[in-house]
N, C-alpha and C. Protein backbone atom coordinates (compact mmCIF):
# COMPACT_ATOMS: atom_id res chain seq x y z
N MET A 1 -16.62 -5.22 -6.99
CA MET A 1 -16.19 -5.27 -8.38
C MET A 1 -14.76 -5.80 -8.44
N ILE A 2 -14.53 -6.78 -9.25
CA ILE A 2 -13.20 -7.38 -9.42
C ILE A 2 -12.47 -6.62 -10.53
N LYS A 3 -11.28 -6.14 -10.19
CA LYS A 3 -10.48 -5.45 -11.19
C LYS A 3 -9.65 -6.48 -11.94
N LYS A 4 -9.72 -6.42 -13.25
CA LYS A 4 -8.94 -7.32 -14.08
C LYS A 4 -7.78 -6.53 -14.68
N PRO A 5 -6.62 -7.16 -14.80
CA PRO A 5 -5.50 -6.45 -15.42
C PRO A 5 -5.81 -6.14 -16.90
N VAL A 6 -5.24 -5.09 -17.36
CA VAL A 6 -5.38 -4.72 -18.77
C VAL A 6 -4.35 -5.52 -19.56
N ARG A 7 -4.77 -6.09 -20.64
CA ARG A 7 -3.85 -6.85 -21.49
C ARG A 7 -3.60 -6.05 -22.74
N ILE A 8 -2.34 -5.80 -22.98
CA ILE A 8 -1.94 -5.05 -24.16
C ILE A 8 -1.35 -6.02 -25.17
N ALA A 9 -1.81 -5.93 -26.39
CA ALA A 9 -1.31 -6.81 -27.45
C ALA A 9 0.18 -6.58 -27.65
N PRO A 10 0.88 -7.59 -28.16
CA PRO A 10 2.30 -7.40 -28.44
C PRO A 10 2.49 -6.14 -29.29
N HIS A 11 3.50 -5.37 -28.93
CA HIS A 11 3.73 -4.10 -29.60
C HIS A 11 5.19 -3.72 -29.54
N ASP A 12 5.58 -2.77 -30.34
CA ASP A 12 6.92 -2.23 -30.34
C ASP A 12 6.99 -1.18 -29.22
N LYS A 13 7.84 -1.40 -28.22
CA LYS A 13 7.91 -0.50 -27.07
C LYS A 13 8.26 0.93 -27.47
N LYS A 14 9.19 1.08 -28.39
CA LYS A 14 9.59 2.44 -28.82
C LYS A 14 8.42 3.15 -29.49
N HIS A 15 7.67 2.42 -30.29
CA HIS A 15 6.51 3.02 -30.96
C HIS A 15 5.46 3.43 -29.91
N PHE A 16 5.19 2.54 -28.95
CA PHE A 16 4.26 2.83 -27.86
C PHE A 16 4.75 4.05 -27.07
N GLY A 17 6.04 4.09 -26.76
CA GLY A 17 6.61 5.20 -26.02
C GLY A 17 6.46 6.52 -26.77
N HIS A 18 6.66 6.48 -28.07
CA HIS A 18 6.50 7.69 -28.89
C HIS A 18 5.05 8.19 -28.84
N ILE A 19 4.12 7.26 -28.92
CA ILE A 19 2.70 7.63 -28.85
C ILE A 19 2.39 8.22 -27.48
N MET A 20 2.84 7.57 -26.40
CA MET A 20 2.60 8.07 -25.04
C MET A 20 3.17 9.48 -24.88
N HIS A 21 4.41 9.67 -25.33
CA HIS A 21 5.05 10.97 -25.20
C HIS A 21 4.29 12.04 -25.98
N THR A 22 3.86 11.71 -27.17
CA THR A 22 3.10 12.66 -27.99
C THR A 22 1.81 13.06 -27.28
N LEU A 23 1.16 12.10 -26.64
CA LEU A 23 -0.11 12.37 -25.96
C LEU A 23 0.05 13.20 -24.69
N ILE A 24 1.14 13.05 -23.98
CA ILE A 24 1.27 13.71 -22.68
C ILE A 24 2.24 14.87 -22.63
N LYS A 25 3.05 15.07 -23.66
CA LYS A 25 4.14 16.05 -23.57
C LYS A 25 3.70 17.46 -23.20
N ASP A 26 2.54 17.89 -23.63
CA ASP A 26 2.09 19.24 -23.32
C ASP A 26 1.49 19.36 -21.91
N GLN A 27 1.25 18.25 -21.25
CA GLN A 27 0.69 18.26 -19.91
C GLN A 27 1.72 17.93 -18.83
N LEU A 28 2.94 17.66 -19.22
CA LEU A 28 3.95 17.25 -18.26
C LEU A 28 4.40 18.39 -17.37
N PHE A 29 4.74 18.05 -16.16
CA PHE A 29 5.29 18.97 -15.18
C PHE A 29 6.61 19.51 -15.72
N ASP A 30 6.78 20.83 -15.67
CA ASP A 30 8.01 21.47 -16.12
C ASP A 30 8.68 22.13 -14.90
N PRO A 31 9.46 21.34 -14.15
CA PRO A 31 10.03 21.86 -12.91
C PRO A 31 11.09 22.93 -13.14
N LYS A 32 11.24 23.78 -12.16
CA LYS A 32 12.28 24.82 -12.20
C LYS A 32 13.49 24.39 -11.38
N HIS A 33 13.26 23.64 -10.30
CA HIS A 33 14.34 23.19 -9.43
C HIS A 33 15.22 22.19 -10.18
N PRO A 34 16.57 22.37 -10.15
CA PRO A 34 17.47 21.49 -10.91
C PRO A 34 17.32 20.00 -10.59
N GLU A 35 17.13 19.66 -9.31
CA GLU A 35 16.99 18.25 -8.94
C GLU A 35 15.71 17.66 -9.53
N LEU A 36 14.64 18.42 -9.48
CA LEU A 36 13.37 17.94 -10.06
C LEU A 36 13.45 17.87 -11.58
N LYS A 37 14.10 18.84 -12.20
CA LYS A 37 14.25 18.85 -13.66
C LYS A 37 15.02 17.61 -14.11
N SER A 38 16.10 17.30 -13.38
CA SER A 38 16.89 16.11 -13.70
C SER A 38 16.06 14.84 -13.55
N GLU A 39 15.32 14.73 -12.45
CA GLU A 39 14.47 13.56 -12.21
C GLU A 39 13.39 13.43 -13.29
N MET A 40 12.78 14.55 -13.65
CA MET A 40 11.74 14.52 -14.67
C MET A 40 12.30 14.07 -16.01
N ASN A 41 13.50 14.54 -16.36
CA ASN A 41 14.13 14.12 -17.61
C ASN A 41 14.41 12.63 -17.62
N GLU A 42 14.82 12.07 -16.47
CA GLU A 42 15.05 10.64 -16.37
C GLU A 42 13.74 9.86 -16.57
N GLN A 43 12.68 10.31 -15.92
CA GLN A 43 11.38 9.65 -16.06
C GLN A 43 10.89 9.72 -17.50
N LEU A 44 11.11 10.85 -18.13
CA LEU A 44 10.68 11.04 -19.52
C LEU A 44 11.37 10.06 -20.46
N LYS A 45 12.64 9.75 -20.19
CA LYS A 45 13.35 8.76 -21.02
C LYS A 45 12.64 7.41 -20.98
N PHE A 46 12.15 7.02 -19.79
CA PHE A 46 11.43 5.76 -19.67
C PHE A 46 10.14 5.78 -20.48
N VAL A 47 9.43 6.89 -20.44
CA VAL A 47 8.19 7.02 -21.22
C VAL A 47 8.51 6.90 -22.71
N ILE A 48 9.48 7.66 -23.18
CA ILE A 48 9.83 7.68 -24.60
C ILE A 48 10.28 6.30 -25.07
N ASN A 49 10.97 5.55 -24.22
CA ASN A 49 11.44 4.21 -24.59
C ASN A 49 10.38 3.13 -24.41
N GLY A 50 9.18 3.53 -23.97
CA GLY A 50 8.11 2.56 -23.80
C GLY A 50 8.30 1.68 -22.58
N GLU A 51 9.15 2.11 -21.65
CA GLU A 51 9.43 1.32 -20.45
C GLU A 51 8.58 1.74 -19.26
N TRP A 52 7.87 2.85 -19.36
CA TRP A 52 7.11 3.35 -18.23
C TRP A 52 5.89 4.08 -18.74
N THR A 53 4.80 3.91 -18.09
CA THR A 53 3.57 4.56 -18.51
C THR A 53 2.85 5.16 -17.32
N TYR A 54 2.12 6.19 -17.58
CA TYR A 54 1.31 6.83 -16.55
C TYR A 54 -0.07 6.19 -16.46
N LEU A 55 -0.35 5.20 -17.28
CA LEU A 55 -1.68 4.61 -17.34
C LEU A 55 -1.85 3.36 -16.49
N PHE A 56 -0.78 2.55 -16.35
CA PHE A 56 -0.89 1.26 -15.67
C PHE A 56 0.20 1.11 -14.62
N ASP A 57 -0.11 0.35 -13.56
CA ASP A 57 0.91 0.04 -12.56
C ASP A 57 1.70 -1.19 -13.01
N SER A 58 2.63 -1.63 -12.17
CA SER A 58 3.49 -2.76 -12.54
C SER A 58 2.73 -4.08 -12.64
N ASN A 59 1.50 -4.13 -12.12
CA ASN A 59 0.66 -5.32 -12.23
C ASN A 59 -0.35 -5.22 -13.36
N GLU A 60 -0.17 -4.22 -14.22
CA GLU A 60 -1.03 -3.97 -15.38
C GLU A 60 -2.43 -3.52 -15.00
N ASN A 61 -2.59 -2.97 -13.80
CA ASN A 61 -3.88 -2.42 -13.39
C ASN A 61 -3.93 -0.95 -13.78
N PHE A 62 -5.07 -0.51 -14.26
CA PHE A 62 -5.26 0.87 -14.67
C PHE A 62 -5.14 1.78 -13.45
N LEU A 63 -4.38 2.86 -13.58
CA LEU A 63 -4.23 3.83 -12.49
C LEU A 63 -5.36 4.85 -12.55
N ASN A 64 -6.15 4.88 -11.49
CA ASN A 64 -7.23 5.86 -11.43
C ASN A 64 -6.75 7.24 -11.02
N ASP A 65 -5.58 7.30 -10.40
CA ASP A 65 -5.07 8.58 -9.89
C ASP A 65 -3.69 8.91 -10.45
N SER A 66 -3.50 8.71 -11.74
CA SER A 66 -2.17 8.90 -12.33
C SER A 66 -1.76 10.37 -12.42
N ALA A 67 -2.71 11.28 -12.42
CA ALA A 67 -2.37 12.70 -12.47
C ALA A 67 -2.00 13.18 -11.08
N ARG A 68 -1.04 14.04 -11.03
CA ARG A 68 -0.58 14.58 -9.74
C ARG A 68 -0.33 16.06 -9.90
N LEU A 69 -0.96 16.86 -9.07
CA LEU A 69 -0.79 18.30 -9.10
C LEU A 69 0.37 18.68 -8.19
N ILE A 70 1.36 19.36 -8.74
CA ILE A 70 2.52 19.80 -7.98
C ILE A 70 2.52 21.32 -7.97
N GLU A 71 2.29 21.87 -6.79
CA GLU A 71 2.24 23.32 -6.67
C GLU A 71 3.48 23.88 -5.98
N ASP A 72 4.15 23.07 -5.18
CA ASP A 72 5.29 23.54 -4.39
C ASP A 72 6.46 22.57 -4.56
N GLU A 73 7.45 22.96 -5.35
CA GLU A 73 8.58 22.08 -5.63
C GLU A 73 9.41 21.80 -4.38
N GLU A 74 9.61 22.78 -3.53
CA GLU A 74 10.38 22.57 -2.30
C GLU A 74 9.69 21.56 -1.39
N LYS A 75 8.37 21.63 -1.29
CA LYS A 75 7.62 20.67 -0.47
C LYS A 75 7.74 19.27 -1.06
N LEU A 76 7.66 19.16 -2.38
CA LEU A 76 7.81 17.86 -3.03
C LEU A 76 9.17 17.26 -2.70
N LEU A 77 10.22 18.06 -2.75
CA LEU A 77 11.56 17.58 -2.43
C LEU A 77 11.66 17.15 -0.97
N SER A 78 11.12 17.95 -0.07
CA SER A 78 11.22 17.59 1.36
C SER A 78 10.36 16.37 1.69
N ASP A 79 9.24 16.20 1.00
CA ASP A 79 8.37 15.05 1.23
C ASP A 79 8.93 13.75 0.65
N SER A 80 9.87 13.86 -0.29
CA SER A 80 10.39 12.67 -0.96
C SER A 80 11.27 11.82 -0.04
N ASN A 81 11.88 12.44 0.97
CA ASN A 81 12.69 11.71 1.96
C ASN A 81 13.65 10.70 1.33
N GLY A 82 14.33 11.10 0.28
CA GLY A 82 15.34 10.24 -0.31
C GLY A 82 14.84 9.06 -1.11
N LYS A 83 13.58 9.09 -1.56
CA LYS A 83 13.06 8.02 -2.41
C LYS A 83 13.92 7.92 -3.66
N SER A 84 13.97 6.75 -4.25
CA SER A 84 14.78 6.57 -5.45
C SER A 84 14.23 7.40 -6.60
N SER A 85 12.96 7.64 -6.62
CA SER A 85 12.36 8.50 -7.63
C SER A 85 11.34 9.41 -6.96
N ILE A 86 11.52 10.68 -7.14
CA ILE A 86 10.64 11.67 -6.54
C ILE A 86 9.21 11.53 -7.06
N PHE A 87 9.06 11.10 -8.30
CA PHE A 87 7.75 11.07 -8.92
C PHE A 87 7.00 9.77 -8.73
N ASN A 88 7.63 8.75 -8.13
CA ASN A 88 6.90 7.52 -7.83
C ASN A 88 6.03 7.73 -6.62
N ARG A 89 4.93 6.99 -6.56
CA ARG A 89 4.01 7.12 -5.43
C ARG A 89 4.22 6.02 -4.45
């Protein structure tokens, strides 16, 4: 099966970001660790501004595994090994 990129019609990024945030805000990870809370707030700004989405990758391909279960914040931090963003895959 050939995967085709998703094409999104021209749109207002802020409006798109507001819709995305409204749809996902109740399902977002609410970290307790200060470093994770800060990182999550930064990522959320991108979503709200329409600059980042949990639905598509940078090549406009639909993400089949966009949800991520985080059960151990300390393990997430240790596994990140200094990545620029803890929440990127």
